[in-house]
Amino acid sequence: MKHPVDAHVGRKIRHQRWMMGMTQQQLAEKVGIKFQQVQKYETGMNRVSASRLWEIAETLGVTIGFFFDGMDGERSVPSNVMADKEAAELVRSYYAIPEAQRRRLFDLAKVLSEAA
């Protein structure tokens, strides 16, 4: 049975890997494991050791703490919102927009959300 912390860490690994446009195979090769192991980590079926989490964090360009963000339950956005493929794709696309245009889009989104 999976532990909620392992499932949370796995979701964070999947989220960051996906945001970087990296496949499970690519992550696995960079940390020296098989892609099936990455799958097990991402689903929370296998627990990630401290040394492996360190390697994954370095490969994905995040701190170890990143994997535990949101565990306290004090978030205004549901912790699984980035597990939604559409939301993650929206964020990735948003950051691909040049900064000046992105700022205008952000301001528009704020106005629209306040009107809803």
N, C-alpha and C. Protein backbone atom coordinates (compact mmCIF):
# COMPACT_ATOMS: atom_id res chain seq x y z
N MET A 1 0.84 -1.18 0.00
CA MET A 1 0.00 0.00 0.00
C MET A 1 0.89 1.25 0.00
N LYS A 2 0.52 2.23 -0.83
CA LYS A 2 1.39 3.40 -0.91
C LYS A 2 1.14 4.37 0.24
N HIS A 3 2.21 4.96 0.68
CA HIS A 3 2.15 5.96 1.73
C HIS A 3 1.84 7.31 1.06
N PRO A 4 1.03 8.16 1.68
CA PRO A 4 0.68 9.45 1.07
C PRO A 4 1.90 10.33 0.75
N VAL A 5 2.93 10.25 1.56
CA VAL A 5 4.14 11.04 1.29
C VAL A 5 4.82 10.54 0.02
N ASP A 6 4.91 9.23 -0.15
CA ASP A 6 5.53 8.67 -1.35
C ASP A 6 4.74 9.06 -2.60
N ALA A 7 3.42 9.05 -2.51
CA ALA A 7 2.57 9.43 -3.63
C ALA A 7 2.77 10.92 -3.95
N HIS A 8 2.87 11.76 -2.92
CA HIS A 8 3.08 13.19 -3.13
C HIS A 8 4.42 13.46 -3.80
N VAL A 9 5.47 12.84 -3.29
CA VAL A 9 6.81 13.00 -3.88
C VAL A 9 6.79 12.53 -5.33
N GLY A 10 6.15 11.41 -5.59
CA GLY A 10 6.05 10.91 -6.96
C GLY A 10 5.35 11.87 -7.89
N ARG A 11 4.26 12.49 -7.42
CA ARG A 11 3.54 13.48 -8.25
C ARG A 11 4.43 14.67 -8.55
N LYS A 12 5.22 15.09 -7.55
CA LYS A 12 6.12 16.23 -7.75
C LYS A 12 7.23 15.88 -8.75
N ILE A 13 7.73 14.64 -8.69
CA ILE A 13 8.74 14.21 -9.67
C ILE A 13 8.13 14.26 -11.07
N ARG A 14 6.95 13.67 -11.22
CA ARG A 14 6.29 13.65 -12.54
C ARG A 14 6.03 15.06 -13.04
N HIS A 15 5.54 15.91 -12.17
CA HIS A 15 5.23 17.30 -12.54
C HIS A 15 6.48 18.01 -13.06
N GLN A 16 7.56 17.97 -12.30
CA GLN A 16 8.77 18.69 -12.70
C GLN A 16 9.38 18.08 -13.96
N ARG A 17 9.37 16.77 -14.06
CA ARG A 17 9.90 16.11 -15.26
C ARG A 17 9.11 16.55 -16.48
N TRP A 18 7.79 16.57 -16.34
CA TRP A 18 6.93 16.94 -17.46
C TRP A 18 7.11 18.41 -17.83
N MET A 19 7.24 19.28 -16.82
CA MET A 19 7.44 20.71 -17.07
C MET A 19 8.75 20.97 -17.81
N MET A 20 9.71 20.11 -17.60
CA MET A 20 10.99 20.26 -18.30
C MET A 20 10.97 19.60 -19.68
N GLY A 21 9.87 18.94 -20.01
CA GLY A 21 9.79 18.27 -21.30
C GLY A 21 10.65 17.02 -21.37
N MET A 22 10.87 16.40 -20.22
CA MET A 22 11.73 15.23 -20.14
C MET A 22 10.87 13.96 -20.05
N THR A 23 11.27 12.92 -20.75
CA THR A 23 10.56 11.65 -20.67
C THR A 23 11.04 10.86 -19.46
N GLN A 24 10.27 9.84 -19.10
CA GLN A 24 10.70 8.95 -18.02
C GLN A 24 12.02 8.29 -18.39
N GLN A 25 12.17 7.92 -19.64
CA GLN A 25 13.40 7.27 -20.11
C GLN A 25 14.60 8.20 -19.94
N GLN A 26 14.43 9.47 -20.30
CA GLN A 26 15.53 10.43 -20.17
C GLN A 26 15.93 10.64 -18.71
N LEU A 27 14.93 10.77 -17.84
CA LEU A 27 15.24 10.92 -16.42
C LEU A 27 15.96 9.69 -15.89
N ALA A 28 15.45 8.53 -16.27
CA ALA A 28 16.05 7.27 -15.81
C ALA A 28 17.52 7.18 -16.24
N GLU A 29 17.80 7.51 -17.49
CA GLU A 29 19.18 7.45 -17.98
C GLU A 29 20.09 8.40 -17.22
N LYS A 30 19.58 9.59 -16.91
CA LYS A 30 20.41 10.59 -16.22
C LYS A 30 20.74 10.19 -14.78
N VAL A 31 19.84 9.43 -14.14
CA VAL A 31 20.11 9.03 -12.75
C VAL A 31 20.56 7.57 -12.64
N GLY A 32 20.68 6.88 -13.79
CA GLY A 32 21.23 5.53 -13.79
C GLY A 32 20.29 4.43 -13.34
N ILE A 33 19.02 4.56 -13.70
CA ILE A 33 18.04 3.53 -13.36
C ILE A 33 17.22 3.19 -14.60
N LYS A 34 16.33 2.23 -14.51
CA LYS A 34 15.44 1.87 -15.62
C LYS A 34 14.19 2.75 -15.55
N PHE A 35 13.58 3.00 -16.71
CA PHE A 35 12.41 3.87 -16.73
C PHE A 35 11.25 3.30 -15.93
N GLN A 36 11.21 1.96 -15.80
CA GLN A 36 10.14 1.35 -15.00
C GLN A 36 10.23 1.79 -13.54
N GLN A 37 11.46 2.02 -13.07
CA GLN A 37 11.65 2.48 -11.70
C GLN A 37 11.11 3.90 -11.55
N VAL A 38 11.34 4.74 -12.56
CA VAL A 38 10.78 6.09 -12.54
C VAL A 38 9.26 6.01 -12.47
N GLN A 39 8.67 5.12 -13.25
CA GLN A 39 7.21 4.94 -13.21
C GLN A 39 6.74 4.59 -11.79
N LYS A 40 7.45 3.70 -11.15
CA LYS A 40 7.08 3.28 -9.79
C LYS A 40 7.23 4.42 -8.80
N TYR A 41 8.28 5.23 -8.96
CA TYR A 41 8.45 6.40 -8.10
C TYR A 41 7.29 7.37 -8.30
N GLU A 42 6.96 7.64 -9.57
CA GLU A 42 5.94 8.63 -9.88
C GLU A 42 4.54 8.23 -9.41
N THR A 43 4.28 6.96 -9.34
CA THR A 43 2.97 6.50 -8.85
C THR A 43 2.97 6.32 -7.34
N GLY A 44 4.13 6.40 -6.72
CA GLY A 44 4.22 6.21 -5.28
C GLY A 44 4.28 4.75 -4.87
N MET A 45 4.37 3.85 -5.84
CA MET A 45 4.44 2.43 -5.52
C MET A 45 5.78 2.06 -4.88
N ASN A 46 6.84 2.74 -5.30
CA ASN A 46 8.16 2.53 -4.69
C ASN A 46 8.59 3.82 -4.02
N ARG A 47 9.18 3.67 -2.86
CA ARG A 47 9.71 4.80 -2.10
C ARG A 47 11.07 5.20 -2.68
N VAL A 48 11.31 6.51 -2.79
CA VAL A 48 12.57 7.02 -3.31
C VAL A 48 13.55 7.18 -2.16
N SER A 49 14.73 6.59 -2.29
CA SER A 49 15.74 6.74 -1.24
C SER A 49 16.27 8.18 -1.24
N ALA A 50 16.89 8.56 -0.14
CA ALA A 50 17.42 9.91 -0.02
C ALA A 50 18.46 10.21 -1.09
N SER A 51 19.37 9.27 -1.34
CA SER A 51 20.41 9.51 -2.34
C SER A 51 19.83 9.60 -3.74
N ARG A 52 18.82 8.78 -4.03
CA ARG A 52 18.18 8.83 -5.35
C ARG A 52 17.39 10.12 -5.51
N LEU A 53 16.72 10.56 -4.44
CA LEU A 53 15.97 11.81 -4.51
C LEU A 53 16.91 12.97 -4.76
N TRP A 54 18.10 12.91 -4.16
CA TRP A 54 19.12 13.93 -4.38
C TRP A 54 19.50 13.98 -5.86
N GLU A 55 19.75 12.82 -6.46
CA GLU A 55 20.10 12.75 -7.88
C GLU A 55 18.98 13.27 -8.77
N ILE A 56 17.76 12.91 -8.44
CA ILE A 56 16.60 13.35 -9.22
C ILE A 56 16.45 14.87 -9.10
N ALA A 57 16.62 15.39 -7.90
CA ALA A 57 16.52 16.84 -7.69
C ALA A 57 17.56 17.58 -8.52
N GLU A 58 18.79 17.09 -8.50
CA GLU A 58 19.85 17.74 -9.28
C GLU A 58 19.54 17.67 -10.78
N THR A 59 19.05 16.53 -11.24
CA THR A 59 18.72 16.35 -12.65
C THR A 59 17.58 17.27 -13.07
N LEU A 60 16.59 17.43 -12.20
CA LEU A 60 15.42 18.24 -12.53
C LEU A 60 15.61 19.72 -12.16
N GLY A 61 16.74 20.05 -11.55
CA GLY A 61 17.04 21.45 -11.24
C GLY A 61 16.20 22.04 -10.12
N VAL A 62 15.86 21.22 -9.13
CA VAL A 62 15.08 21.69 -7.99
C VAL A 62 15.79 21.31 -6.69
N THR A 63 15.32 21.87 -5.59
CA THR A 63 15.86 21.50 -4.29
C THR A 63 15.12 20.27 -3.78
N ILE A 64 15.67 19.62 -2.79
CA ILE A 64 15.00 18.48 -2.17
C ILE A 64 13.65 18.92 -1.59
N GLY A 65 13.61 20.10 -1.02
CA GLY A 65 12.39 20.62 -0.42
C GLY A 65 11.24 20.73 -1.40
N PHE A 66 11.55 20.93 -2.68
CA PHE A 66 10.51 21.03 -3.71
C PHE A 66 9.56 19.84 -3.66
N PHE A 67 10.11 18.66 -3.43
CA PHE A 67 9.30 17.44 -3.45
C PHE A 67 8.33 17.34 -2.28
N PHE A 68 8.55 18.17 -1.26
CA PHE A 68 7.69 18.13 -0.09
C PHE A 68 6.78 19.35 0.02
N ASP A 69 6.94 20.31 -0.89
CA ASP A 69 6.07 21.48 -0.89
C ASP A 69 4.62 21.04 -1.00
N GLY A 70 3.78 21.67 -0.21
CA GLY A 70 2.36 21.36 -0.25
C GLY A 70 1.93 20.23 0.65
N MET A 71 2.86 19.63 1.37
CA MET A 71 2.50 18.53 2.26
C MET A 71 1.72 19.00 3.49
N ASP A 72 1.83 20.28 3.84
CA ASP A 72 1.17 20.78 5.04
C ASP A 72 -0.32 21.01 4.84
N GLY A 73 -0.79 20.96 3.60
CA GLY A 73 -2.21 21.11 3.32
C GLY A 73 -2.71 22.54 3.38
N GLU A 74 -1.81 23.52 3.48
CA GLU A 74 -2.21 24.92 3.58
C GLU A 74 -2.02 25.64 2.25
N ARG A 75 -2.59 25.07 1.21
CA ARG A 75 -2.47 25.68 -0.11
C ARG A 75 -3.83 26.15 -0.56
N SER A 76 -3.86 27.26 -1.28
CA SER A 76 -5.12 27.76 -1.79
C SER A 76 -5.52 27.05 -3.08
N VAL A 77 -4.55 26.44 -3.75
CA VAL A 77 -4.81 25.68 -4.96
C VAL A 77 -4.71 24.20 -4.60
N PRO A 78 -5.59 23.35 -5.09
CA PRO A 78 -5.49 21.93 -4.78
C PRO A 78 -4.10 21.40 -5.13
N SER A 79 -3.56 20.53 -4.29
CA SER A 79 -2.19 20.05 -4.48
C SER A 79 -2.03 19.24 -5.76
N ASN A 80 -3.11 18.74 -6.32
CA ASN A 80 -3.00 17.94 -7.53
C ASN A 80 -3.33 18.72 -8.80
N VAL A 81 -3.46 20.05 -8.72
CA VAL A 81 -3.84 20.82 -9.90
C VAL A 81 -2.81 20.64 -11.01
N MET A 82 -1.53 20.54 -10.69
CA MET A 82 -0.52 20.39 -11.73
C MET A 82 -0.44 18.96 -12.23
N ALA A 83 -1.14 18.04 -11.59
CA ALA A 83 -1.22 16.68 -12.12
C ALA A 83 -2.15 16.65 -13.31
N ASP A 84 -3.01 17.68 -13.42
CA ASP A 84 -3.91 17.80 -14.56
C ASP A 84 -3.07 18.20 -15.77
N LYS A 85 -3.09 17.38 -16.81
CA LYS A 85 -2.24 17.61 -17.97
C LYS A 85 -2.53 18.96 -18.63
N GLU A 86 -3.80 19.33 -18.68
CA GLU A 86 -4.17 20.60 -19.30
C GLU A 86 -3.58 21.78 -18.53
N ALA A 87 -3.65 21.74 -17.20
CA ALA A 87 -3.11 22.82 -16.38
C ALA A 87 -1.59 22.91 -16.54
N ALA A 88 -0.93 21.78 -16.54
CA ALA A 88 0.53 21.78 -16.69
C ALA A 88 0.93 22.29 -18.07
N GLU A 89 0.18 21.91 -19.09
CA GLU A 89 0.47 22.39 -20.45
C GLU A 89 0.24 23.90 -20.55
N LEU A 90 -0.80 24.38 -19.89
CA LEU A 90 -1.07 25.81 -19.87
C LEU A 90 0.09 26.58 -19.24
N VAL A 91 0.60 26.09 -18.13
CA VAL A 91 1.71 26.76 -17.46
C VAL A 91 2.96 26.74 -18.34
N ARG A 92 3.23 25.60 -18.95
CA ARG A 92 4.41 25.52 -19.82
C ARG A 92 4.28 26.49 -21.00
N SER A 93 3.10 26.55 -21.59
CA SER A 93 2.86 27.46 -22.72
C SER A 93 2.97 28.92 -22.27
N TYR A 94 2.45 29.20 -21.09
CA TYR A 94 2.50 30.56 -20.54
C TYR A 94 3.95 31.05 -20.45
N TYR A 95 4.82 30.21 -19.93
CA TYR A 95 6.21 30.63 -19.78
C TYR A 95 6.99 30.65 -21.09
N ALA A 96 6.40 30.14 -22.16
CA ALA A 96 7.03 30.22 -23.47
C ALA A 96 6.74 31.56 -24.15
N ILE A 97 5.79 32.32 -23.62
CA ILE A 97 5.42 33.63 -24.17
C ILE A 97 6.45 34.66 -23.71
N PRO A 98 6.86 35.58 -24.59
CA PRO A 98 7.79 36.64 -24.18
C PRO A 98 7.24 37.41 -22.97
N GLU A 99 8.14 37.89 -22.12
CA GLU A 99 7.75 38.46 -20.83
C GLU A 99 6.74 39.60 -20.92
N ALA A 100 6.91 40.54 -21.82
CA ALA A 100 5.99 41.68 -21.91
C ALA A 100 4.57 41.21 -22.26
N GLN A 101 4.48 40.30 -23.21
CA GLN A 101 3.17 39.77 -23.59
C GLN A 101 2.59 38.90 -22.48
N ARG A 102 3.45 38.16 -21.82
CA ARG A 102 3.01 37.30 -20.72
C ARG A 102 2.40 38.13 -19.60
N ARG A 103 3.00 39.27 -19.31
CA ARG A 103 2.48 40.16 -18.26
C ARG A 103 1.08 40.64 -18.61
N ARG A 104 0.87 41.01 -19.88
CA ARG A 104 -0.45 41.47 -20.32
C ARG A 104 -1.47 40.34 -20.22
N LEU A 105 -1.05 39.13 -20.58
CA LEU A 105 -1.96 37.98 -20.49
C LEU A 105 -2.31 37.71 -19.03
N PHE A 106 -1.33 37.84 -18.16
CA PHE A 106 -1.56 37.63 -16.73
C PHE A 106 -2.58 38.64 -16.20
N ASP A 107 -2.40 39.90 -16.57
CA ASP A 107 -3.33 40.94 -16.13
C ASP A 107 -4.74 40.65 -16.64
N LEU A 108 -4.86 40.21 -17.88
CA LEU A 108 -6.16 39.85 -18.44
C LEU A 108 -6.80 38.70 -17.67
N ALA A 109 -6.01 37.69 -17.35
CA ALA A 109 -6.52 36.54 -16.62
C ALA A 109 -7.02 36.95 -15.23
N LYS A 110 -6.31 37.85 -14.57
CA LYS A 110 -6.74 38.33 -13.25
C LYS A 110 -8.09 39.04 -13.36
N VAL A 111 -8.24 39.90 -14.34
CA VAL A 111 -9.49 40.64 -14.53
C VAL A 111 -10.63 39.66 -14.81
N LEU A 112 -10.39 38.68 -15.67
CA LEU A 112 -11.42 37.72 -16.01
C LEU A 112 -11.82 36.86 -14.79
N SER A 113 -10.85 36.48 -13.98
CA SER A 113 -11.15 35.66 -12.81
C SER A 113 -11.93 36.45 -11.75
N GLU A 114 -11.66 37.74 -11.65
CA GLU A 114 -12.40 38.58 -10.70
C GLU A 114 -13.83 38.80 -11.15
N ALA A 115 -14.07 38.77 -12.48
CA ALA A 115 -15.41 38.97 -13.03
C ALA A 115 -16.25 37.72 -12.93
N ALA A 116 -15.59 36.57 -12.77
CA ALA A 116 -16.33 35.29 -12.75
C ALA A 116 -17.10 35.07 -11.47
